[in-house]
């Protein structure tokens, strides 16, 4: 679409993976918000260069729908799909059992919406120390993932505070009785 910059891509090293939420991708394509468009595009260009951008299938789905239906002017389905295909290089986190389970735990612990909980779970699953979003409280920490607004945090700032400590997964089976599956009608 003429006058609307594509979501940039390039290759090149920041050490911490950074999870990008839907609104950042949308702002990078939204010419109505020039300042936010510029900052979002700077973040995306930086993450392509550093090869540290991460996202999820859920986020890409939300981007496609909102870019084609809610942006004004909206993207064509072809332009939006081109962006989605480019972002497949970021190995988007699929929506699977681990994300659903993690999302439910995050929702219960922090009181987030279901969709935001899935985004945080996907960021955690990918080992991200930083989650770029405008939807969550700036600076809030969710089990090693810090939520920051891409409009208050500059992309060239030191990433040190957002490094994730590696977690050690037990190789041993949990003890006790298996949980009942009553909620699904399974005894």
N, C-alpha and C. Protein backbone atom coordinates (compact mmCIF):
# COMPACT_ATOMS: atom_id res chain seq x y z
N UNK A 1 0.84 -1.16 0.00
CA UNK A 1 0.00 0.00 0.00
C UNK A 1 0.90 1.24 0.00
N UNK A 2 0.65 2.16 -0.86
CA UNK A 2 1.47 3.34 -1.02
C UNK A 2 1.41 4.23 0.22
N UNK A 3 2.57 4.70 0.67
CA UNK A 3 2.64 5.61 1.81
C UNK A 3 2.70 4.93 3.16
N UNK A 4 2.45 3.63 3.21
CA UNK A 4 2.51 2.89 4.47
C UNK A 4 3.75 2.00 4.42
N UNK A 5 4.69 2.22 5.34
CA UNK A 5 5.90 1.41 5.30
C UNK A 5 5.62 -0.05 5.64
N UNK A 6 6.34 -0.95 4.97
CA UNK A 6 6.25 -2.37 5.30
C UNK A 6 6.90 -2.59 6.65
N UNK A 7 6.54 -3.68 7.28
CA UNK A 7 7.24 -4.07 8.50
C UNK A 7 8.65 -4.43 8.07
N UNK A 8 9.66 -3.74 8.61
CA UNK A 8 11.02 -3.94 8.13
C UNK A 8 11.57 -5.31 8.49
N UNK A 9 12.48 -5.77 7.64
CA UNK A 9 13.24 -6.97 8.00
C UNK A 9 14.66 -6.80 7.51
N UNK A 10 15.58 -7.39 8.20
CA UNK A 10 17.01 -7.32 7.88
C UNK A 10 17.67 -8.44 8.67
N UNK A 11 18.97 -8.60 8.53
CA UNK A 11 19.63 -9.59 9.37
C UNK A 11 20.90 -9.02 9.98
N UNK A 12 21.42 -9.42 11.28
CA UNK A 12 22.72 -9.10 11.84
C UNK A 12 23.03 -9.83 13.08
N UNK A 13 24.43 -7.71 18.45
CA UNK A 13 23.65 -8.87 18.79
C UNK A 13 23.27 -8.67 20.22
N UNK A 14 22.05 -8.33 20.34
CA UNK A 14 21.43 -8.24 21.63
C UNK A 14 21.21 -9.68 22.09
N UNK A 15 21.45 -9.99 23.34
CA UNK A 15 21.41 -11.39 23.75
C UNK A 15 20.05 -11.86 24.22
N UNK A 16 19.19 -10.98 24.61
CA UNK A 16 17.90 -11.37 25.17
C UNK A 16 16.83 -11.39 24.08
N UNK A 17 16.08 -12.51 23.95
CA UNK A 17 14.97 -12.50 23.01
C UNK A 17 13.88 -11.53 23.48
N UNK A 18 13.27 -10.86 22.53
CA UNK A 18 12.24 -9.86 22.82
C UNK A 18 10.95 -10.29 22.14
N UNK A 19 9.89 -10.46 22.92
CA UNK A 19 8.60 -10.85 22.38
C UNK A 19 7.83 -9.59 21.99
N UNK A 20 7.26 -9.61 20.79
CA UNK A 20 6.53 -8.45 20.27
C UNK A 20 5.05 -8.80 20.18
N UNK A 21 4.22 -7.95 20.80
CA UNK A 21 2.78 -8.13 20.80
C UNK A 21 2.16 -7.46 19.57
N UNK A 22 0.92 -7.79 19.31
CA UNK A 22 0.18 -7.34 18.14
C UNK A 22 0.23 -5.84 17.93
N UNK A 23 0.02 -5.07 19.00
CA UNK A 23 -0.10 -3.61 18.84
C UNK A 23 1.17 -2.98 18.28
N UNK A 24 2.32 -3.56 18.54
CA UNK A 24 3.58 -3.01 18.00
C UNK A 24 3.61 -3.19 16.49
N UNK A 25 3.23 -4.37 16.02
CA UNK A 25 3.18 -4.61 14.57
C UNK A 25 2.15 -3.69 13.90
N UNK A 26 1.02 -3.50 14.56
CA UNK A 26 -0.02 -2.63 13.99
C UNK A 26 0.44 -1.18 13.92
N UNK A 27 1.07 -0.69 14.99
CA UNK A 27 1.55 0.70 14.97
C UNK A 27 2.60 0.92 13.88
N UNK A 28 3.40 -0.11 13.61
CA UNK A 28 4.41 0.02 12.56
C UNK A 28 3.77 0.22 11.18
N UNK A 29 2.50 -0.14 11.05
CA UNK A 29 1.78 -0.01 9.79
C UNK A 29 0.71 1.08 9.83
N UNK A 30 0.55 1.78 10.96
CA UNK A 30 -0.53 2.75 11.13
C UNK A 30 -0.03 4.18 10.91
N UNK A 31 -0.35 4.74 9.77
CA UNK A 31 0.12 6.08 9.43
C UNK A 31 -0.63 7.17 10.20
N UNK A 32 -1.71 6.84 10.90
CA UNK A 32 -2.46 7.84 11.68
C UNK A 32 -1.71 8.24 12.95
N UNK A 33 -0.80 7.41 13.42
CA UNK A 33 -0.04 7.66 14.66
C UNK A 33 1.44 7.75 14.30
N UNK A 34 1.85 8.88 13.73
CA UNK A 34 3.20 9.02 13.17
C UNK A 34 4.31 8.75 14.19
N UNK A 35 4.17 9.27 15.40
CA UNK A 35 5.22 9.08 16.41
C UNK A 35 5.32 7.62 16.81
N UNK A 36 4.18 6.99 17.09
CA UNK A 36 4.19 5.58 17.47
C UNK A 36 4.62 4.71 16.30
N UNK A 37 4.24 5.08 15.09
CA UNK A 37 4.66 4.33 13.91
C UNK A 37 6.18 4.32 13.80
N UNK A 38 6.78 5.48 13.99
CA UNK A 38 8.24 5.60 13.90
C UNK A 38 8.93 4.75 14.98
N UNK A 39 8.46 4.84 16.22
CA UNK A 39 9.09 4.09 17.32
C UNK A 39 8.89 2.58 17.14
N UNK A 40 7.71 2.17 16.73
CA UNK A 40 7.46 0.74 16.49
C UNK A 40 8.35 0.23 15.37
N UNK A 41 8.47 1.00 14.30
CA UNK A 41 9.32 0.59 13.17
C UNK A 41 10.79 0.52 13.59
N UNK A 42 11.24 1.44 14.44
CA UNK A 42 12.62 1.39 14.95
C UNK A 42 12.86 0.11 15.74
N UNK A 43 11.91 -0.25 16.61
CA UNK A 43 12.04 -1.48 17.38
C UNK A 43 12.12 -2.69 16.47
N UNK A 44 11.23 -2.76 15.49
CA UNK A 44 11.22 -3.93 14.60
C UNK A 44 12.50 -4.03 13.79
N UNK A 45 12.97 -2.90 13.28
CA UNK A 45 14.22 -2.90 12.52
C UNK A 45 15.38 -3.38 13.41
N UNK A 46 15.41 -2.89 14.65
CA UNK A 46 16.45 -3.28 15.60
C UNK A 46 16.39 -4.79 15.88
N UNK A 47 15.19 -5.32 16.11
CA UNK A 47 15.05 -6.74 16.41
C UNK A 47 15.40 -7.62 15.22
N UNK A 48 15.10 -7.15 14.00
CA UNK A 48 15.54 -7.90 12.81
C UNK A 48 17.06 -7.90 12.73
N UNK A 49 17.66 -6.75 12.97
CA UNK A 49 19.12 -6.64 12.89
C UNK A 49 19.79 -7.54 13.92
N UNK A 50 19.27 -7.52 15.13
CA UNK A 50 19.86 -8.30 16.21
C UNK A 50 19.42 -9.77 16.20
N UNK A 51 18.42 -10.08 15.40
CA UNK A 51 17.87 -11.44 15.31
C UNK A 51 17.34 -11.94 16.64
N UNK A 52 16.70 -11.06 17.38
CA UNK A 52 16.19 -11.42 18.70
C UNK A 52 14.68 -11.27 18.81
N UNK A 53 13.99 -10.97 17.73
CA UNK A 53 12.54 -10.82 17.77
C UNK A 53 11.85 -12.16 17.89
N UNK A 54 10.82 -12.19 18.72
CA UNK A 54 9.99 -13.38 18.89
C UNK A 54 8.53 -12.93 18.93
N UNK A 55 7.64 -13.84 18.54
CA UNK A 55 6.21 -13.58 18.59
C UNK A 55 5.50 -14.92 18.64
N UNK A 56 4.19 -14.91 18.44
CA UNK A 56 3.42 -16.16 18.48
C UNK A 56 2.43 -16.20 17.32
N UNK A 57 1.93 -17.39 17.08
CA UNK A 57 0.90 -17.57 16.05
C UNK A 57 -0.34 -16.75 16.41
N UNK A 58 -0.68 -16.71 17.70
CA UNK A 58 -1.82 -15.89 18.15
C UNK A 58 -1.63 -14.43 17.75
N UNK A 59 -0.46 -13.88 18.01
CA UNK A 59 -0.18 -12.48 17.69
C UNK A 59 -0.26 -12.24 16.19
N UNK A 60 0.31 -13.15 15.40
CA UNK A 60 0.26 -12.98 13.95
C UNK A 60 -1.17 -13.05 13.43
N UNK A 61 -1.99 -13.90 14.02
CA UNK A 61 -3.41 -13.97 13.65
C UNK A 61 -4.13 -12.67 13.97
N UNK A 62 -3.89 -12.14 15.17
CA UNK A 62 -4.49 -10.87 15.57
C UNK A 62 -4.04 -9.74 14.64
N UNK A 63 -2.74 -9.74 14.31
CA UNK A 63 -2.22 -8.71 13.41
C UNK A 63 -2.94 -8.76 12.07
N UNK A 64 -3.04 -9.94 11.49
CA UNK A 64 -3.65 -10.08 10.16
C UNK A 64 -5.08 -9.55 10.17
N UNK A 65 -5.88 -9.97 11.15
CA UNK A 65 -7.28 -9.54 11.22
C UNK A 65 -7.37 -8.03 11.42
N UNK A 66 -6.63 -7.50 12.38
CA UNK A 66 -6.73 -6.06 12.67
C UNK A 66 -6.13 -5.19 11.58
N UNK A 67 -5.07 -5.65 10.94
CA UNK A 67 -4.45 -4.87 9.87
C UNK A 67 -5.37 -4.76 8.65
N UNK A 68 -6.15 -5.80 8.41
CA UNK A 68 -7.03 -5.79 7.24
C UNK A 68 -8.41 -5.23 7.53
N UNK A 69 -8.81 -5.20 8.80
CA UNK A 69 -10.17 -4.76 9.13
C UNK A 69 -10.26 -3.47 9.93
N UNK A 70 -9.25 -3.18 10.76
CA UNK A 70 -9.38 -2.05 11.69
C UNK A 70 -8.47 -0.87 11.38
N UNK A 71 -7.35 -1.09 10.70
CA UNK A 71 -6.50 0.04 10.34
C UNK A 71 -7.22 0.90 9.31
N UNK A 72 -6.97 2.19 9.37
CA UNK A 72 -7.56 3.09 8.39
C UNK A 72 -6.47 4.00 7.84
N UNK A 73 -6.04 3.85 6.63
CA UNK A 73 -6.53 2.85 5.68
C UNK A 73 -6.00 1.47 6.05
N UNK A 74 -6.82 0.46 5.81
CA UNK A 74 -6.44 -0.91 6.10
C UNK A 74 -5.46 -1.46 5.08
N UNK A 75 -4.76 -2.48 5.47
CA UNK A 75 -3.87 -3.16 4.53
C UNK A 75 -4.68 -4.11 3.67
N UNK A 76 -4.22 -4.34 2.49
CA UNK A 76 -4.83 -5.38 1.67
C UNK A 76 -4.50 -6.72 2.32
N UNK A 77 -5.30 -7.73 2.02
CA UNK A 77 -5.01 -9.05 2.58
C UNK A 77 -3.65 -9.55 2.11
N UNK A 78 -3.26 -9.18 0.89
CA UNK A 78 -1.95 -9.59 0.36
C UNK A 78 -0.81 -8.94 1.15
N UNK A 79 -0.92 -7.63 1.41
CA UNK A 79 0.13 -6.92 2.15
C UNK A 79 0.24 -7.44 3.58
N UNK A 80 -0.91 -7.67 4.22
CA UNK A 80 -0.89 -8.19 5.59
C UNK A 80 -0.29 -9.60 5.61
N UNK A 81 -0.65 -10.42 4.63
CA UNK A 81 -0.10 -11.77 4.57
C UNK A 81 1.40 -11.74 4.31
N UNK A 82 1.87 -10.82 3.48
CA UNK A 82 3.31 -10.67 3.26
C UNK A 82 4.03 -10.39 4.57
N UNK A 83 3.44 -9.52 5.40
CA UNK A 83 4.04 -9.23 6.71
C UNK A 83 4.08 -10.48 7.58
N UNK A 84 2.97 -11.22 7.60
CA UNK A 84 2.90 -12.45 8.40
C UNK A 84 3.96 -13.45 7.92
N UNK A 85 4.06 -13.61 6.62
CA UNK A 85 5.06 -14.55 6.09
C UNK A 85 6.48 -14.12 6.44
N UNK A 86 6.77 -12.82 6.39
CA UNK A 86 8.09 -12.34 6.79
C UNK A 86 8.38 -12.68 8.25
N UNK A 87 7.36 -12.52 9.10
CA UNK A 87 7.54 -12.75 10.54
C UNK A 87 7.62 -14.23 10.90
N UNK A 88 7.35 -15.11 9.96
CA UNK A 88 7.54 -16.54 10.21
C UNK A 88 9.02 -16.84 10.48
N UNK A 89 9.91 -15.97 10.03
CA UNK A 89 11.34 -16.13 10.30
C UNK A 89 11.64 -16.03 11.80
N UNK A 90 10.72 -15.43 12.56
CA UNK A 90 10.89 -15.30 14.01
C UNK A 90 10.46 -16.57 14.75
N UNK A 91 10.13 -17.61 14.04
CA UNK A 91 9.68 -18.88 14.62
C UNK A 91 8.58 -18.64 15.66
N UNK A 92 7.40 -18.18 15.20
CA UNK A 92 6.34 -17.86 16.15
C UNK A 92 5.92 -19.07 16.99
N UNK A 93 5.69 -18.80 18.26
CA UNK A 93 5.29 -19.83 19.21
C UNK A 93 3.89 -20.32 18.86
N UNK A 94 3.73 -21.64 18.65
CA UNK A 94 2.38 -22.15 18.38
C UNK A 94 1.53 -22.13 19.65
N UNK A 95 0.24 -22.15 19.45
CA UNK A 95 -0.70 -22.26 20.56
C UNK A 95 -0.89 -23.75 20.82
N UNK A 96 -0.29 -24.23 21.91
CA UNK A 96 -0.32 -25.66 22.22
C UNK A 96 -0.70 -25.85 23.68
N UNK A 97 -0.63 -27.08 24.14
CA UNK A 97 -1.02 -27.40 25.51
C UNK A 97 -0.18 -26.63 26.53
N UNK A 98 1.12 -26.52 26.29
CA UNK A 98 1.98 -25.81 27.24
C UNK A 98 1.58 -24.34 27.35
N UNK A 99 1.24 -23.72 26.24
CA UNK A 99 0.84 -22.30 26.27
C UNK A 99 -0.51 -22.15 26.95
N UNK A 100 -1.45 -23.04 26.64
CA UNK A 100 -2.76 -22.97 27.29
C UNK A 100 -2.64 -23.15 28.80
N UNK A 101 -1.86 -24.13 29.23
CA UNK A 101 -1.67 -24.38 30.67
C UNK A 101 -0.97 -23.20 31.32
N UNK A 102 0.11 -22.72 30.69
CA UNK A 102 0.81 -21.56 31.23
C UNK A 102 -0.07 -20.33 31.26
N UNK A 103 -0.86 -20.14 30.21
CA UNK A 103 -1.78 -19.00 30.16
C UNK A 103 -2.79 -19.03 31.29
N UNK A 104 -3.30 -20.21 31.58
CA UNK A 104 -4.28 -20.33 32.67
C UNK A 104 -3.63 -20.01 34.02
N UNK A 105 -2.40 -20.48 34.22
CA UNK A 105 -1.70 -20.19 35.48
C UNK A 105 -1.43 -18.69 35.61
N UNK A 106 -1.04 -18.06 34.51
CA UNK A 106 -0.77 -16.62 34.53
C UNK A 106 -2.06 -15.84 34.78
N UNK A 107 -3.14 -16.25 34.15
CA UNK A 107 -4.42 -15.58 34.36
C UNK A 107 -4.84 -15.67 35.83
N UNK A 108 -4.69 -16.85 36.42
CA UNK A 108 -5.07 -17.04 37.82
C UNK A 108 -4.17 -16.23 38.76
N UNK A 109 -2.89 -16.16 38.47
CA UNK A 109 -1.95 -15.48 39.37
C UNK A 109 -2.01 -13.96 39.25
N UNK A 110 -2.10 -13.45 38.02
CA UNK A 110 -1.99 -12.01 37.82
C UNK A 110 -3.31 -11.32 37.45
N UNK A 111 -4.35 -12.10 37.20
CA UNK A 111 -5.64 -11.51 36.87
C UNK A 111 -5.68 -10.86 35.49
N UNK A 112 -4.84 -11.32 34.58
CA UNK A 112 -4.83 -10.77 33.23
C UNK A 112 -5.98 -11.35 32.41
N UNK A 113 -6.28 -10.71 31.31
CA UNK A 113 -7.26 -11.29 30.39
C UNK A 113 -6.69 -12.59 29.84
N UNK A 114 -7.58 -13.43 29.31
CA UNK A 114 -7.14 -14.70 28.74
C UNK A 114 -6.12 -14.48 27.63
N UNK A 115 -6.41 -13.55 26.72
CA UNK A 115 -5.54 -13.33 25.55
C UNK A 115 -4.18 -12.78 25.97
N UNK A 116 -4.17 -11.85 26.93
CA UNK A 116 -2.89 -11.32 27.43
C UNK A 116 -2.10 -12.41 28.15
N UNK A 117 -2.80 -13.29 28.86
CA UNK A 117 -2.13 -14.39 29.56
C UNK A 117 -1.45 -15.33 28.57
N UNK A 118 -2.09 -15.58 27.43
CA UNK A 118 -1.47 -16.43 26.41
C UNK A 118 -0.24 -15.77 25.81
N UNK A 119 -0.28 -14.46 25.64
CA UNK A 119 0.89 -13.73 25.12
C UNK A 119 2.06 -13.85 26.10
N UNK A 120 1.80 -13.64 27.40
CA UNK A 120 2.85 -13.75 28.40
C UNK A 120 3.39 -15.19 28.44
N UNK A 121 2.50 -16.18 28.37
CA UNK A 121 2.94 -17.58 28.38
C UNK A 121 3.83 -17.88 27.17
N UNK A 122 3.48 -17.34 26.01
CA UNK A 122 4.30 -17.56 24.81
C UNK A 122 5.66 -16.90 24.96
N UNK A 123 5.70 -15.71 25.56
CA UNK A 123 6.98 -15.03 25.80
C UNK A 123 7.84 -15.84 26.76
N UNK A 124 7.23 -16.37 27.81
CA UNK A 124 7.97 -17.19 28.75
C UNK A 124 8.49 -18.47 28.09
N UNK A 125 7.66 -19.11 27.31
CA UNK A 125 8.04 -20.37 26.65
C UNK A 125 9.23 -20.16 25.71
N UNK A 126 9.33 -18.97 25.12
CA UNK A 126 10.43 -18.69 24.19
C UNK A 126 11.65 -18.10 24.90
N UNK A 127 11.62 -18.02 26.21
CA UNK A 127 12.77 -17.54 26.96
C UNK A 127 13.01 -16.05 26.82
N UNK A 128 11.96 -15.29 26.56
CA UNK A 128 12.10 -13.84 26.39
C UNK A 128 12.23 -13.15 27.74
N UNK A 129 13.07 -12.17 27.81
CA UNK A 129 13.21 -11.36 29.01
C UNK A 129 12.38 -10.10 28.93
N UNK A 130 11.96 -9.76 27.73
CA UNK A 130 11.26 -8.51 27.47
C UNK A 130 10.05 -8.78 26.60
N UNK A 131 8.93 -8.19 26.97
CA UNK A 131 7.69 -8.27 26.19
C UNK A 131 7.29 -6.85 25.82
N UNK A 132 7.36 -6.54 24.53
CA UNK A 132 6.97 -5.21 24.06
C UNK A 132 5.48 -5.19 23.79
N UNK A 133 4.76 -4.40 24.56
CA UNK A 133 3.31 -4.29 24.42
C UNK A 133 2.84 -2.99 25.04
N UNK A 134 1.74 -2.52 24.53
CA UNK A 134 1.09 -1.35 25.11
C UNK A 134 -0.08 -1.80 25.98
N UNK A 135 -0.38 -3.09 25.98
CA UNK A 135 -1.57 -3.61 26.64
C UNK A 135 -1.39 -3.94 28.11
N UNK A 136 -0.16 -4.07 28.58
CA UNK A 136 0.09 -4.42 29.97
C UNK A 136 0.81 -3.28 30.69
N UNK A 137 0.76 -3.30 32.00
CA UNK A 137 1.41 -2.26 32.79
C UNK A 137 2.90 -2.22 32.49
N UNK A 138 3.40 -1.03 32.16
CA UNK A 138 4.81 -0.86 31.82
C UNK A 138 5.68 -1.19 33.04
N UNK A 139 6.61 -2.12 32.86
CA UNK A 139 7.53 -2.50 33.92
C UNK A 139 7.09 -3.67 34.77
N UNK A 140 5.89 -4.18 34.56
CA UNK A 140 5.41 -5.32 35.34
C UNK A 140 6.21 -6.57 34.95
N UNK A 141 6.53 -7.39 35.94
CA UNK A 141 7.32 -8.60 35.71
C UNK A 141 6.42 -9.81 35.93
N UNK A 142 6.45 -10.71 34.95
CA UNK A 142 5.67 -11.94 34.98
C UNK A 142 6.63 -13.12 34.91
N UNK A 143 7.12 -13.58 36.05
CA UNK A 143 7.98 -14.76 36.08
C UNK A 143 9.18 -14.67 35.17
N UNK A 144 9.90 -13.58 35.18
CA UNK A 144 11.11 -13.42 34.37
C UNK A 144 10.91 -12.64 33.09
N UNK A 145 9.68 -12.36 32.71
CA UNK A 145 9.39 -11.57 31.51
C UNK A 145 8.89 -10.19 31.97
N UNK A 146 9.59 -9.15 31.53
CA UNK A 146 9.20 -7.79 31.89
C UNK A 146 8.44 -7.16 30.75
N UNK A 147 7.27 -6.65 31.06
CA UNK A 147 6.44 -5.96 30.08
C UNK A 147 6.89 -4.50 29.98
N UNK A 148 7.21 -4.06 28.76
CA UNK A 148 7.59 -2.67 28.55
C UNK A 148 6.88 -2.12 27.32
N UNK A 149 6.54 -0.86 27.40
CA UNK A 149 5.95 -0.18 26.25
C UNK A 149 7.07 0.19 25.29
N UNK A 150 6.89 -0.09 24.01
CA UNK A 150 7.91 0.29 23.03
C UNK A 150 7.99 1.79 22.84
N UNK A 151 7.07 2.51 23.49
CA UNK A 151 7.03 3.97 23.35
C UNK A 151 7.66 4.68 24.54
N UNK A 152 8.00 3.91 25.59
CA UNK A 152 8.72 4.49 26.73
C UNK A 152 10.13 3.93 26.86
N UNK A 153 10.38 2.77 26.27
CA UNK A 153 11.70 2.13 26.29
C UNK A 153 12.31 2.26 24.91
N UNK A 154 13.46 2.87 24.83
CA UNK A 154 14.13 3.01 23.53
C UNK A 154 14.87 1.71 23.19
N UNK A 155 14.88 1.36 21.93
CA UNK A 155 15.42 0.06 21.53
C UNK A 155 16.93 -0.05 21.72
N UNK A 156 17.62 1.03 21.88
CA UNK A 156 19.08 0.96 22.07
C UNK A 156 19.48 0.95 23.55
N UNK A 157 18.49 0.96 24.47
CA UNK A 157 18.81 0.93 25.89
C UNK A 157 19.44 -0.42 26.27
N UNK A 158 20.14 -0.43 27.35
CA UNK A 158 20.81 -1.64 27.83
C UNK A 158 19.79 -2.73 28.14
N UNK A 159 20.01 -3.91 27.63
CA UNK A 159 19.09 -5.03 27.82
C UNK A 159 19.39 -5.83 29.07
N UNK A 160 20.47 -5.55 29.75
CA UNK A 160 20.90 -6.32 30.91
C UNK A 160 19.81 -6.63 31.93
N UNK A 161 19.01 -5.65 32.32
CA UNK A 161 17.99 -5.95 33.34
C UNK A 161 16.94 -6.95 32.88
N UNK A 162 16.87 -7.23 31.58
CA UNK A 162 15.82 -8.09 31.07
C UNK A 162 16.31 -9.50 30.73
N UNK A 163 17.55 -9.80 31.07
CA UNK A 163 18.06 -11.14 30.80
C UNK A 163 17.33 -12.17 31.65
N UNK A 164 17.01 -13.28 31.07
CA UNK A 164 16.27 -14.33 31.77
C UNK A 164 17.26 -15.34 32.33
N UNK A 165 17.12 -15.65 33.62
CA UNK A 165 17.95 -16.69 34.22
C UNK A 165 17.45 -18.03 33.69
N UNK A 166 18.34 -18.91 33.29
CA UNK A 166 17.89 -20.21 32.78
C UNK A 166 17.15 -20.99 33.86
N UNK A 167 16.11 -21.67 33.45
CA UNK A 167 15.36 -22.50 34.39
C UNK A 167 15.77 -23.94 34.19
N UNK A 168 15.80 -24.68 35.28
CA UNK A 168 16.18 -26.08 35.22
C UNK A 168 14.90 -26.89 35.38
N UNK A 169 14.61 -27.71 34.40
CA UNK A 169 13.43 -28.55 34.43
C UNK A 169 13.79 -29.88 35.05
N UNK A 170 12.98 -30.30 36.01
CA UNK A 170 13.21 -31.57 36.67
C UNK A 170 12.99 -32.72 35.70
N UNK A 171 13.84 -33.71 35.78
CA UNK A 171 13.68 -34.90 34.96
C UNK A 171 12.83 -35.94 35.68
N UNK A 172 12.38 -35.63 36.89
CA UNK A 172 11.64 -36.58 37.70
C UNK A 172 10.15 -36.30 37.63
N UNK A 173 9.40 -37.35 37.70
CA UNK A 173 7.96 -37.27 37.67
C UNK A 173 7.45 -36.67 38.98
N UNK A 174 6.39 -35.89 38.90
CA UNK A 174 5.79 -35.33 40.11
C UNK A 174 5.21 -36.42 40.99
N UNK A 175 5.10 -36.16 42.26
CA UNK A 175 4.57 -37.15 43.20
C UNK A 175 3.11 -36.88 43.48
N UNK A 176 2.43 -37.90 43.97
CA UNK A 176 1.03 -37.75 44.34
C UNK A 176 0.10 -38.28 43.28
N UNK A 177 -1.18 -38.17 43.57
CA UNK A 177 -2.21 -38.67 42.66
C UNK A 177 -2.38 -37.73 41.49
N UNK A 178 -2.69 -38.28 40.33
CA UNK A 178 -2.99 -37.41 39.19
C UNK A 178 -4.25 -36.61 39.48
N UNK A 179 -4.34 -35.42 38.92
CA UNK A 179 -5.51 -34.58 39.11
C UNK A 179 -6.70 -35.16 38.35
N UNK A 180 -7.88 -34.96 38.92
CA UNK A 180 -9.11 -35.40 38.28
C UNK A 180 -9.40 -34.53 37.07
N UNK A 181 -10.04 -35.09 36.10
CA UNK A 181 -10.38 -34.35 34.89
C UNK A 181 -11.89 -34.06 34.89
N UNK A 182 -12.49 -33.83 36.06
CA UNK A 182 -13.93 -33.63 36.18
C UNK A 182 -14.43 -32.45 35.35
N UNK A 183 -13.64 -31.39 35.24
CA UNK A 183 -14.08 -30.20 34.52
C UNK A 183 -14.42 -30.47 33.07
N UNK A 184 -13.85 -31.52 32.49
CA UNK A 184 -14.11 -31.85 31.10
C UNK A 184 -15.08 -33.02 30.97
N UNK A 185 -15.63 -33.46 32.10
CA UNK A 185 -16.54 -34.60 32.06
C UNK A 185 -15.81 -35.92 31.98
N UNK A 186 -14.52 -35.92 32.30
CA UNK A 186 -13.72 -37.14 32.28
C UNK A 186 -13.42 -37.52 33.72
N UNK A 187 -13.73 -38.73 34.08
CA UNK A 187 -13.50 -39.15 35.48
C UNK A 187 -12.07 -39.52 35.72
